[in-house]
Amino acid sequence: MLTVDYERLDLRPAMVILDMGCGAGRHAFESFRKGAKVIALDYSFDELAGVRDLFWAMHETNEVTPDHQAQAVRGDALCLPFADNTFDRIIASEVMEHLTNDAGAMAELTRVLKPGGVMAVTVPAWLPEKICWQLSAEYHAPLSEGGHVRIYTEEQLRHRMTEAGIVPTGSHRAHALHSPYWWLRCAIGPTNDTHPLVKAYHQVLVWDIVKAPFATRFTEKLLNPIIGKSVVVYATKPHPVTPPVTTARKSAAMNGAAPTNGLVKKTAARKPVAKKSPAKRSASVVG
């Protein structure tokens, strides 16, 4: 079940993509199939073990070719273990609503995205999420350990992106058929997954995901703009702006001197000073 639209993401073979907060790895696996170089990152060792094993299984069953590359990496969203401008594409699906410092996480994602790169961020949409919060306090933090800490509007998510220095573009909603399921679970009890109604609805969702029948696909497409459970916003990192080269600056560069903007500071002549041997310095390497 994918939330991100890969046509909008424009992921191409050999691109380097980060699936931040990959969870069970659904977007990481799809990116792997498409030939991207995948880094699936999560804070949970348990989740990453399953993701790593499935990457290996996809190789073993020839679902991907031997040249496809993927890694499962443990990391913190607030201190990503990657250099600046590393990734062509980034997906952060259903992660930001769990983070207290979502601005810090967005800044980190922006830092590791290449100029011209595209990021897709998905969060629970405002209306379906608001209903869940009203139906059950156990659905969200603080009663739900690791649960959702905020409800986003699309405008708030776009503002977070703009603050971090990326430019929001298109958006869409997804998974409308999942909203009533979560409303039902919140009404009965978020942890009660054995109730007959919950089990029956879950079976319908699994059938829809596996078989993708026209009736449910068409119904969800109609309902997505209204009750889509997730909202997806895409954004691009702009290229650095190069300052224009003025005549004075160009002339100074050609002569190997720093530009003076027409101002020349006179300095008094100094007596020659005998050169001294440089002091010995100790060096250390941080590894």
C-alpha atoms as a PDB file:
ATOM      1  CA  MET A   1       0.000   0.000   0.000  1.00  0.00           C
ATOM      2  CA  LEU A   2       1.784   3.098  -1.238  1.00  0.00           C
ATOM      3  CA  THR A   3       0.958   6.625  -0.123  1.00  0.00           C
ATOM      4  CA  VAL A   4       3.429   8.484  -2.340  1.00  0.00           C
ATOM      5  CA  ASP A   5       2.715   8.859  -6.054  1.00  0.00           C
ATOM      6  CA  TYR A   6       5.915   7.765  -7.799  1.00  0.00           C
ATOM      7  CA  GLU A   7       5.033   9.614 -10.991  1.00  0.00           C
ATOM      8  CA  ARG A   8       4.997  12.874  -9.050  1.00  0.00           C
ATOM      9  CA  LEU A   9       8.164  11.891  -7.213  1.00  0.00           C
ATOM     10  CA  ASP A  10       9.805  11.208 -10.600  1.00  0.00           C
ATOM     11  CA  LEU A  11      12.131   8.546  -9.223  1.00  0.00           C
ATOM     12  CA  ARG A  12      14.486   7.163 -11.869  1.00  0.00           C
ATOM     13  CA  PRO A  13      16.947   4.243 -11.850  1.00  0.00           C
ATOM     14  CA  ALA A  14      20.291   4.838 -10.095  1.00  0.00           C
ATOM     15  CA  MET A  15      18.932   7.809  -8.137  1.00  0.00           C
ATOM     16  CA  VAL A  16      19.810   7.786  -4.434  1.00  0.00           C
ATOM     17  CA  ILE A  17      16.700   7.859  -2.240  1.00  0.00           C
ATOM     18  CA  LEU A  18      16.185   8.073   1.526  1.00  0.00           C
ATOM     19  CA  ASP A  19      13.077   6.523   3.083  1.00  0.00           C
ATOM     20  CA  MET A  20      13.198   8.281   6.443  1.00  0.00           C
ATOM     21  CA  GLY A  21      11.179   6.512   9.134  1.00  0.00           C
ATOM     22  CA  CYS A  22      10.724   3.570   6.791  1.00  0.00           C
ATOM     23  CA  GLY A  23       8.779   1.418   9.258  1.00  0.00           C
ATOM     24  CA  ALA A  24       8.004  -1.924   7.621  1.00  0.00           C
ATOM     25  CA  GLY A  25       9.563  -0.608   4.397  1.00  0.00           C
ATOM     26  CA  ARG A  26       6.715  -0.340   1.873  1.00  0.00           C
ATOM     27  CA  HIS A  27       8.153   2.702   0.062  1.00  0.00           C
ATOM     28  CA  ALA A  28      11.719   1.422   0.391  1.00  0.00           C
ATOM     29  CA  PHE A  29      10.757  -1.819  -1.370  1.00  0.00           C
ATOM     30  CA  GLU A  30       8.971  -0.023  -4.205  1.00  0.00           C
ATOM     31  CA  SER A  31      11.974   2.277  -4.693  1.00  0.00           C
ATOM     32  CA  PHE A  32      14.232  -0.798  -4.720  1.00  0.00           C
ATOM     33  CA  ARG A  33      12.094  -2.415  -7.450  1.00  0.00           C
ATOM     34  CA  LYS A  34      12.387   0.719  -9.533  1.00  0.00           C
ATOM     35  CA  GLY A  35      16.185   0.508  -9.545  1.00  0.00           C
ATOM     36  CA  ALA A  36      17.000   3.329  -7.128  1.00  0.00           C
ATOM     37  CA  LYS A  37      19.842   3.154  -4.612  1.00  0.00           C
ATOM     38  CA  VAL A  38      17.853   2.920  -1.393  1.00  0.00           C
ATOM     39  CA  ILE A  39      18.654   3.896   2.181  1.00  0.00           C
ATOM     40  CA  ALA A  40      15.855   2.743   4.506  1.00  0.00           C
ATOM     41  CA  LEU A  41      16.282   4.564   7.828  1.00  0.00           C
ATOM     42  CA  ASP A  42      14.412   4.007  11.061  1.00  0.00           C
ATOM     43  CA  TYR A  43      15.069   4.317  14.791  1.00  0.00           C
ATOM     44  CA  SER A  44      13.705   0.831  15.519  1.00  0.00           C
ATOM     45  CA  PHE A  45      16.062  -2.134  15.255  1.00  0.00           C
ATOM     46  CA  ASP A  46      13.070  -4.494  15.058  1.00  0.00           C
ATOM     47  CA  GLU A  47      11.636  -2.769  11.986  1.00  0.00           C
ATOM     48  CA  LEU A  48      15.024  -2.582  10.275  1.00  0.00           C
ATOM     49  CA  ALA A  49      15.710  -6.302  10.713  1.00  0.00           C
ATOM     50  CA  GLY A  50      12.596  -7.155   8.704  1.00  0.00           C
ATOM     51  CA  VAL A  51      13.399  -4.551   6.038  1.00  0.00           C
ATOM     52  CA  ARG A  52      16.954  -5.854   5.656  1.00  0.00           C
ATOM     53  CA  ASP A  53      15.732  -9.437   5.342  1.00  0.00           C
ATOM     54  CA  LEU A  54      13.218  -8.539   2.652  1.00  0.00           C
ATOM     55  CA  PHE A  55      15.858  -6.631   0.664  1.00  0.00           C
ATOM     56  CA  TRP A  56      17.911  -9.838   0.729  1.00  0.00           C
ATOM     57  CA  ALA A  57      14.893 -11.960  -0.249  1.00  0.00           C
ATOM     58  CA  MET A  58      14.144  -9.689  -3.213  1.00  0.00           C
ATOM     59  CA  HIS A  59      17.686 -10.308  -4.450  1.00  0.00           C
ATOM     60  CA  GLU A  60      17.472 -14.055  -3.875  1.00  0.00           C
ATOM     61  CA  THR A  61      14.174 -14.411  -5.755  1.00  0.00           C
ATOM     62  CA  ASN A  62      15.389 -12.251  -8.655  1.00  0.00           C
ATOM     63  CA  GLU A  63      12.683  -9.672  -8.018  1.00  0.00           C
ATOM     64  CA  VAL A  64      15.471  -7.146  -8.529  1.00  0.00           C
ATOM     65  CA  THR A  65      18.656  -7.429 -10.556  1.00  0.00           C
ATOM     66  CA  PRO A  66      22.041  -7.929  -8.832  1.00  0.00           C
ATOM     67  CA  ASP A  67      23.095  -4.335  -9.509  1.00  0.00           C
ATOM     68  CA  HIS A  68      20.225  -2.928  -7.401  1.00  0.00           C
ATOM     69  CA  GLN A  69      21.487  -1.530  -4.091  1.00  0.00           C
ATOM     70  CA  ALA A  70      19.733  -1.078  -0.745  1.00  0.00           C
ATOM     71  CA  GLN A  71      20.702  -0.671   2.899  1.00  0.00           C
ATOM     72  CA  ALA A  72      18.822  -0.586   6.202  1.00  0.00           C
ATOM     73  CA  VAL A  73      20.290   2.028   8.557  1.00  0.00           C
ATOM     74  CA  ARG A  74      19.413   2.962  12.123  1.00  0.00           C
ATOM     75  CA  GLY A  75      19.381   6.711  12.678  1.00  0.00           C
ATOM     76  CA  ASP A  76      17.782   9.707  14.346  1.00  0.00           C
ATOM     77  CA  ALA A  77      15.612  12.070  12.292  1.00  0.00           C
ATOM     78  CA  LEU A  78      17.138  15.021  14.151  1.00  0.00           C
ATOM     79  CA  CYS A  79      20.728  14.046  13.377  1.00  0.00           C
ATOM     80  CA  LEU A  80      20.825  12.176  10.087  1.00  0.00           C
ATOM     81  CA  PRO A  81      24.129  10.295   9.554  1.00  0.00           C
ATOM     82  CA  PHE A  82      24.652  11.617   6.025  1.00  0.00           C
ATOM     83  CA  ALA A  83      26.605  14.424   4.383  1.00  0.00           C
ATOM     84  CA  ASP A  84      24.944  17.532   2.956  1.00  0.00           C
ATOM     85  CA  ASN A  85      23.344  17.138  -0.489  1.00  0.00           C
ATOM     86  CA  THR A  86      23.420  13.315  -0.503  1.00  0.00           C
ATOM     87  CA  PHE A  87      19.996  12.286  -1.846  1.00  0.00           C
ATOM     88  CA  ASP A  88      18.191  12.843  -5.146  1.00  0.00           C
ATOM     89  CA  ARG A  89      14.843  11.954  -3.579  1.00  0.00           C
ATOM     90  CA  ILE A  90      13.488  11.683  -0.025  1.00  0.00           C
ATOM     91  CA  ILE A  91      10.314  10.101   1.327  1.00  0.00           C
ATOM     92  CA  ALA A  92       9.123  10.772   4.891  1.00  0.00           C
ATOM     93  CA  SER A  93       5.817   8.934   5.194  1.00  0.00           C
ATOM     94  CA  GLU A  94       3.699   9.176   8.379  1.00  0.00           C
ATOM     95  CA  VAL A  95       6.683  10.266  10.486  1.00  0.00           C
ATOM     96  CA  MET A  96       6.469  13.993  11.215  1.00  0.00           C
ATOM     97  CA  GLU A  97       3.309  13.704  13.345  1.00  0.00           C
ATOM     98  CA  HIS A  98       5.298  11.560  15.823  1.00  0.00           C
ATOM     99  CA  LEU A  99       8.160  14.040  16.289  1.00  0.00           C
ATOM    100  CA  THR A 100       8.116  16.765  18.913  1.00  0.00           C
ATOM    101  CA  ASN A 101      10.760  18.745  17.009  1.00  0.00           C
ATOM    102  CA  ASP A 102       9.290  18.451  13.507  1.00  0.00           C
ATOM    103  CA  ALA A 103      11.016  21.681  12.425  1.00  0.00           C
ATOM    104  CA  GLY A 104      14.400  20.179  13.293  1.00  0.00           C
ATOM    105  CA  ALA A 105      13.627  17.010  11.357  1.00  0.00           C
ATOM    106  CA  MET A 106      12.513  18.998   8.315  1.00  0.00           C
ATOM    107  CA  ALA A 107      15.735  21.031   8.441  1.00  0.00           C
ATOM    108  CA  GLU A 108      17.784  17.813   8.513  1.00  0.00           C
ATOM    109  CA  LEU A 109      15.886  16.351   5.559  1.00  0.00           C
ATOM    110  CA  THR A 110      16.448  19.558   3.625  1.00  0.00           C
ATOM    111  CA  ARG A 111      20.150  19.499   4.458  1.00  0.00           C
ATOM    112  CA  VAL A 112      20.725  16.021   3.001  1.00  0.00           C
ATOM    113  CA  LEU A 113      18.576  16.607  -0.120  1.00  0.00           C
ATOM    114  CA  LYS A 114      20.485  17.625  -3.238  1.00  0.00           C
ATOM    115  CA  PRO A 115      19.699  20.978  -4.902  1.00  0.00           C
ATOM    116  CA  GLY A 116      17.031  20.218  -7.487  1.00  0.00           C
ATOM    117  CA  GLY A 117      16.002  17.116  -5.512  1.00  0.00           C
ATOM    118  CA  VAL A 118      12.404  16.258  -4.635  1.00  0.00           C
ATOM    119  CA  MET A 119      10.975  15.391  -1.228  1.00  0.00           C
ATOM    120  CA  ALA A 120       7.587  13.781  -0.506  1.00  0.00           C
ATOM    121  CA  VAL A 121       6.209  14.142   3.026  1.00  0.00           C
ATOM    122  CA  THR A 122       2.984  12.450   4.125  1.00  0.00           C
ATOM    123  CA  VAL A 123       1.048  13.079   7.351  1.00  0.00           C
ATOM    124  CA  PRO A 124      -2.467  12.231   8.552  1.00  0.00           C
ATOM    125  CA  ALA A 125      -4.961  14.659   7.007  1.00  0.00           C
ATOM    126  CA  TRP A 126      -6.634  17.123   9.368  1.00  0.00           C
ATOM    127  CA  LEU A 127     -10.313  16.027   9.297  1.00  0.00           C
ATOM    128  CA  PRO A 128      -9.878  12.236   9.646  1.00  0.00           C
ATOM    129  CA  GLU A 129      -7.217  12.775  12.316  1.00  0.00           C
ATOM    130  CA  LYS A 130      -9.343  15.267  14.240  1.00  0.00           C
ATOM    131  CA  ILE A 131     -12.200  12.761  14.397  1.00  0.00           C
ATOM    132  CA  CYS A 132      -9.833  10.063  15.701  1.00  0.00           C
ATOM    133  CA  TRP A 133      -8.584  12.377  18.448  1.00  0.00           C
ATOM    134  CA  GLN A 134     -12.151  13.249  19.441  1.00  0.00           C
ATOM    135  CA  LEU A 135     -13.217   9.598  19.585  1.00  0.00           C
ATOM    136  CA  SER A 136     -10.318   8.349  21.712  1.00  0.00           C
ATOM    137  CA  ALA A 137      -7.617   9.852  23.901  1.00  0.00           C
ATOM    138  CA  GLU A 138      -5.779   6.519  23.690  1.00  0.00           C
ATOM    139  CA  TYR A 139      -5.209   7.025  19.961  1.00  0.00           C
ATOM    140  CA  HIS A 140      -2.659   9.812  20.405  1.00  0.00           C
ATOM    141  CA  ALA A 141       0.029  11.062  22.783  1.00  0.00           C
ATOM    142  CA  PRO A 142       0.464  11.231  25.715  1.00  0.00           C
ATOM    143  CA  LEU A 143      -1.663   8.135  26.456  1.00  0.00           C
ATOM    144  CA  SER A 144      -0.382   6.398  23.337  1.00  0.00           C
ATOM    145  CA  GLU A 145       3.352   5.854  23.779  1.00  0.00           C
ATOM    146  CA  GLY A 146       5.083   7.014  20.592  1.00  0.00           C
ATOM    147  CA  GLY A 147       1.726   8.197  19.251  1.00  0.00           C
ATOM    148  CA  HIS A 148       0.823  11.288  17.260  1.00  0.00           C
ATOM    149  CA  VAL A 149       1.746  14.553  18.983  1.00  0.00           C
ATOM    150  CA  ARG A 150      -0.008  16.985  16.613  1.00  0.00           C
ATOM    151  CA  ILE A 151      -2.649  17.326  13.922  1.00  0.00           C
ATOM    152  CA  TYR A 152      -1.451  18.982  10.711  1.00  0.00           C
ATOM    153  CA  THR A 153      -3.288  21.071   8.221  1.00  0.00           C
ATOM    154  CA  GLU A 154      -1.769  21.027   4.746  1.00  0.00           C
ATOM    155  CA  GLU A 155      -0.925  24.715   5.183  1.00  0.00           C
ATOM    156  CA  GLN A 156       1.067  23.953   8.355  1.00  0.00           C
ATOM    157  CA  LEU A 157       3.047  21.235   6.585  1.00  0.00           C
ATOM    158  CA  ARG A 158       3.795  23.573   3.685  1.00  0.00           C
ATOM    159  CA  HIS A 159       4.914  26.231   6.163  1.00  0.00           C
ATOM    160  CA  ARG A 160       7.342  23.777   7.772  1.00  0.00           C
ATOM    161  CA  MET A 161       8.814  23.051   4.337  1.00  0.00           C
ATOM    162  CA  THR A 162       9.167  26.725   3.458  1.00  0.00           C
ATOM    163  CA  GLU A 163      10.834  27.438   6.825  1.00  0.00           C
ATOM    164  CA  ALA A 164      13.397  24.727   6.103  1.00  0.00           C
ATOM    165  CA  GLY A 165      14.259  26.218   2.707  1.00  0.00           C
ATOM    166  CA  ILE A 166      12.462  23.929   0.252  1.00  0.00           C
ATOM    167  CA  VAL A 167       9.668  24.947  -2.125  1.00  0.00           C
ATOM    168  CA  PRO A 168       6.320  23.104  -1.772  1.00  0.00           C
ATOM    169  CA  THR A 169       4.667  22.155  -5.068  1.00  0.00           C
ATOM    170  CA  GLY A 170       1.817  19.691  -5.627  1.00  0.00           C
ATOM    171  CA  SER A 171      -0.216  17.655  -3.146  1.00  0.00           C
ATOM    172  CA  HIS A 172      -2.934  15.018  -2.982  1.00  0.00           C
ATOM    173  CA  ARG A 173      -4.838  12.830  -0.507  1.00  0.00           C
ATOM    174  CA  ALA A 174      -4.769   9.033  -0.154  1.00  0.00           C
ATOM    175  CA  HIS A 175      -6.395   6.060   1.623  1.00  0.00           C
ATOM    176  CA  ALA A 176      -9.957   7.315   2.090  1.00  0.00           C
ATOM    177  CA  LEU A 177     -11.204   3.778   2.831  1.00  0.00           C
ATOM    178  CA  HIS A 178      -8.852   3.636   5.819  1.00  0.00           C
ATOM    179  CA  SER A 179     -10.421   6.607   7.608  1.00  0.00           C
ATOM    180  CA  PRO A 180     -13.671   4.832   8.641  1.00  0.00           C
ATOM    181  CA  TYR A 181     -11.592   1.853   9.770  1.00  0.00           C
ATOM    182  CA  TRP A 182      -9.657   4.042  12.216  1.00  0.00           C
ATOM    183  CA  TRP A 183     -12.800   5.825  13.350  1.00  0.00           C
ATOM    184  CA  LEU A 184     -14.266   2.407  14.151  1.00  0.00           C
ATOM    185  CA  ARG A 185     -11.145   1.362  16.017  1.00  0.00           C
ATOM    186  CA  CYS A 186     -11.085   4.594  18.028  1.00  0.00           C
ATOM    187  CA  ALA A 187     -14.768   4.190  18.939  1.00  0.00           C
ATOM    188  CA  ILE A 188     -14.256   0.586  20.105  1.00  0.00           C
ATOM    189  CA  GLY A 189     -10.757   1.098  21.508  1.00  0.00           C
ATOM    190  CA  PRO A 190      -7.551   1.684  19.505  1.00  0.00           C
ATOM    191  CA  THR A 191      -5.874  -1.410  20.933  1.00  0.00           C
ATOM    192  CA  ASN A 192      -8.867  -3.709  20.419  1.00  0.00           C
ATOM    193  CA  ASP A 193      -8.097  -5.384  17.088  1.00  0.00           C
ATOM    194  CA  THR A 194     -10.080  -8.558  17.877  1.00  0.00           C
ATOM    195  CA  HIS A 195     -13.556  -6.999  17.778  1.00  0.00           C
ATOM    196  CA  PRO A 196     -15.674  -8.678  15.029  1.00  0.00           C
ATOM    197  CA  LEU A 197     -16.391  -5.377  13.233  1.00  0.00           C
ATOM    198  CA  VAL A 198     -12.730  -4.366  13.288  1.00  0.00           C
ATOM    199  CA  LYS A 199     -11.631  -7.782  12.000  1.00  0.00           C
ATOM    200  CA  ALA A 200     -14.246  -7.716   9.229  1.00  0.00           C
ATOM    201  CA  TYR A 201     -13.261  -4.225   8.062  1.00  0.00           C
ATOM    202  CA  HIS A 202      -9.581  -5.176   8.186  1.00  0.00           C
ATOM    203  CA  GLN A 203     -10.253  -8.157   5.921  1.00  0.00           C
ATOM    204  CA  VAL A 204     -11.941  -5.828   3.416  1.00  0.00           C
ATOM    205  CA  LEU A 205      -8.894  -3.534   3.422  1.00  0.00           C
ATOM    206  CA  VAL A 206      -6.503  -6.456   2.909  1.00  0.00           C
ATOM    207  CA  TRP A 207      -8.664  -7.738   0.035  1.00  0.00           C
ATOM    208  CA  ASP A 208      -8.649  -4.269  -1.521  1.00  0.00           C
ATOM    209  CA  ILE A 209      -4.833  -3.970  -1.213  1.00  0.00           C
ATOM    210  CA  VAL A 210      -4.172  -7.431  -2.650  1.00  0.00           C
ATOM    211  CA  LYS A 211      -6.809  -7.576  -5.393  1.00  0.00           C
ATOM    212  CA  ALA A 212      -7.312  -3.844  -6.163  1.00  0.00           C
ATOM    213  CA  PRO A 213     -10.850  -4.352  -7.521  1.00  0.00           C
ATOM    214  CA  PHE A 214     -12.354  -1.594  -9.647  1.00  0.00           C
ATOM    215  CA  ALA A 215     -15.252  -0.934  -7.236  1.00  0.00           C
ATOM    216  CA  THR A 216     -13.098  -0.081  -4.212  1.00  0.00           C
ATOM    217  CA  ARG A 217     -10.386   1.670  -6.245  1.00  0.00           C
ATOM    218  CA  PHE A 218     -12.977   3.913  -7.916  1.00  0.00           C
ATOM    219  CA  THR A 219     -14.782   4.599  -4.615  1.00  0.00           C
ATOM    220  CA  GLU A 220     -11.566   5.559  -2.874  1.00  0.00           C
ATOM    221  CA  LYS A 221     -10.552   7.840  -5.720  1.00  0.00           C
ATOM    222  CA  LEU A 222     -13.869   9.698  -5.352  1.00  0.00           C
ATOM    223  CA  LEU A 223     -13.588   9.955  -1.560  1.00  0.00           C
ATOM    224  CA  ASN A 224      -9.895  10.844  -1.281  1.00  0.00           C
ATOM    225  CA  PRO A 225     -10.347  14.631  -1.619  1.00  0.00           C
ATOM    226  CA  ILE A 226     -12.888  14.548   1.244  1.00  0.00           C
ATOM    227  CA  ILE A 227     -11.811  11.909   3.773  1.00  0.00           C
ATOM    228  CA  GLY A 228      -8.420  10.735   2.512  1.00  0.00           C
ATOM    229  CA  LYS A 229      -6.545   9.512   5.604  1.00  0.00           C
ATOM    230  CA  SER A 230      -3.194  10.939   4.452  1.00  0.00           C
ATOM    231  CA  VAL A 231      -2.132  14.143   2.766  1.00  0.00           C
ATOM    232  CA  VAL A 232       1.033  14.110   0.640  1.00  0.00           C
ATOM    233  CA  VAL A 233       2.968  17.284  -0.147  1.00  0.00           C
ATOM    234  CA  TYR A 234       5.882  17.386  -2.600  1.00  0.00           C
ATOM    235  CA  ALA A 235       8.669  19.951  -2.449  1.00  0.00           C
ATOM    236  CA  THR A 236      11.857  20.806  -4.337  1.00  0.00           C
ATOM    237  CA  LYS A 237      15.150  22.088  -2.979  1.00  0.00           C
ATOM    238  CA  PRO A 238      16.213  25.165  -4.970  1.00  0.00           C
ATOM    239  CA  HIS A 239      19.685  25.527  -6.427  1.00  0.00           C
ATOM    240  CA  PRO A 240      21.957  28.058  -4.678  1.00  0.00           C
ATOM    241  CA  VAL A 241      21.712  31.543  -6.106  1.00  0.00           C
ATOM    242  CA  THR A 242      25.026  32.782  -7.531  1.00  0.00           C
ATOM    243  CA  PRO A 243      25.499  36.541  -6.992  1.00  0.00           C
ATOM    244  CA  PRO A 244      25.911  38.532 -10.211  1.00  0.00           C
ATOM    245  CA  VAL A 245      29.505  39.362 -11.194  1.00  0.00           C
ATOM    246  CA  THR A 246      30.015  43.150 -11.302  1.00  0.00           C
ATOM    247  CA  THR A 247      32.702  44.814 -13.412  1.00  0.00           C
ATOM    248  CA  ALA A 248      34.818  45.650 -10.361  1.00  0.00           C
ATOM    249  CA  ARG A 249      34.477  42.127  -8.959  1.00  0.00           C
ATOM    250  CA  LYS A 250      35.342  40.571 -12.333  1.00  0.00           C
ATOM    251  CA  SER A 251      38.408  42.798 -12.761  1.00  0.00           C
ATOM    252  CA  ALA A 252      39.612  42.027  -9.256  1.00  0.00           C
ATOM    253  CA  ALA A 253      39.195  38.299  -9.815  1.00  0.00           C
ATOM    254  CA  MET A 254      41.191  38.466 -13.057  1.00  0.00           C
ATOM    255  CA  ASN A 255      44.035  40.289 -11.275  1.00  0.00           C
ATOM    256  CA  GLY A 256      44.000  37.943  -8.308  1.00  0.00           C
ATOM    257  CA  ALA A 257      42.948  40.688  -5.878  1.00  0.00           C
ATOM    258  CA  ALA A 258      39.942  41.058  -3.651  1.00  0.00           C
ATOM    259  CA  PRO A 259      37.337  43.558  -4.857  1.00  0.00           C
ATOM    260  CA  THR A 260      37.474  46.902  -3.081  1.00  0.00           C
ATOM    261  CA  ASN A 261      34.213  48.457  -4.292  1.00  0.00           C
ATOM    262  CA  GLY A 262      36.227  51.563  -5.237  1.00  0.00           C
ATOM    263  CA  LEU A 263      37.587  52.093  -1.738  1.00  0.00           C
ATOM    264  CA  VAL A 264      41.352  51.805  -1.230  1.00  0.00           C
ATOM    265  CA  LYS A 265      42.784  51.840   2.262  1.00  0.00           C
ATOM    266  CA  LYS A 266      46.313  53.240   2.506  1.00  0.00           C
ATOM    267  CA  THR A 267      48.693  51.417   4.796  1.00  0.00           C
ATOM    268  CA  ALA A 268      52.013  52.597   6.148  1.00  0.00           C
ATOM    269  CA  ALA A 269      55.166  50.953   4.856  1.00  0.00           C
ATOM    270  CA  ARG A 270      56.486  48.334   7.234  1.00  0.00           C
ATOM    271  CA  LYS A 271      60.037  47.307   7.948  1.00  0.00           C
ATOM    272  CA  PRO A 272      60.959  43.819   6.822  1.00  0.00           C
ATOM    273  CA  VAL A 273      60.753  41.276   9.598  1.00  0.00           C
ATOM    274  CA  ALA A 274      63.035  38.282   9.820  1.00  0.00           C
ATOM    275  CA  LYS A 275      61.231  35.035   9.242  1.00  0.00           C
ATOM    276  CA  LYS A 276      60.873  32.705  12.178  1.00  0.00           C
ATOM    277  CA  SER A 277      60.537  28.954  12.088  1.00  0.00           C
ATOM    278  CA  PRO A 278      56.934  27.910  12.455  1.00  0.00           C
ATOM    279  CA  ALA A 279      56.025  26.549  15.853  1.00  0.00           C
ATOM    280  CA  LYS A 280      55.468  22.837  16.037  1.00  0.00           C
ATOM    281  CA  ARG A 281      51.867  21.887  16.292  1.00  0.00           C
ATOM    282  CA  SER A 282      50.278  18.627  17.336  1.00  0.00           C
ATOM    283  CA  ALA A 283      47.538  17.195  15.147  1.00  0.00           C
ATOM    284  CA  SER A 284      44.650  14.958  16.105  1.00  0.00           C
ATOM    285  CA  VAL A 285      42.274  12.940  13.987  1.00  0.00           C
ATOM    286  CA  VAL A 286      38.700  12.415  15.034  1.00  0.00           C
ATOM    287  CA  GLY A 287      37.550   9.015  13.863  1.00  0.00           C
END
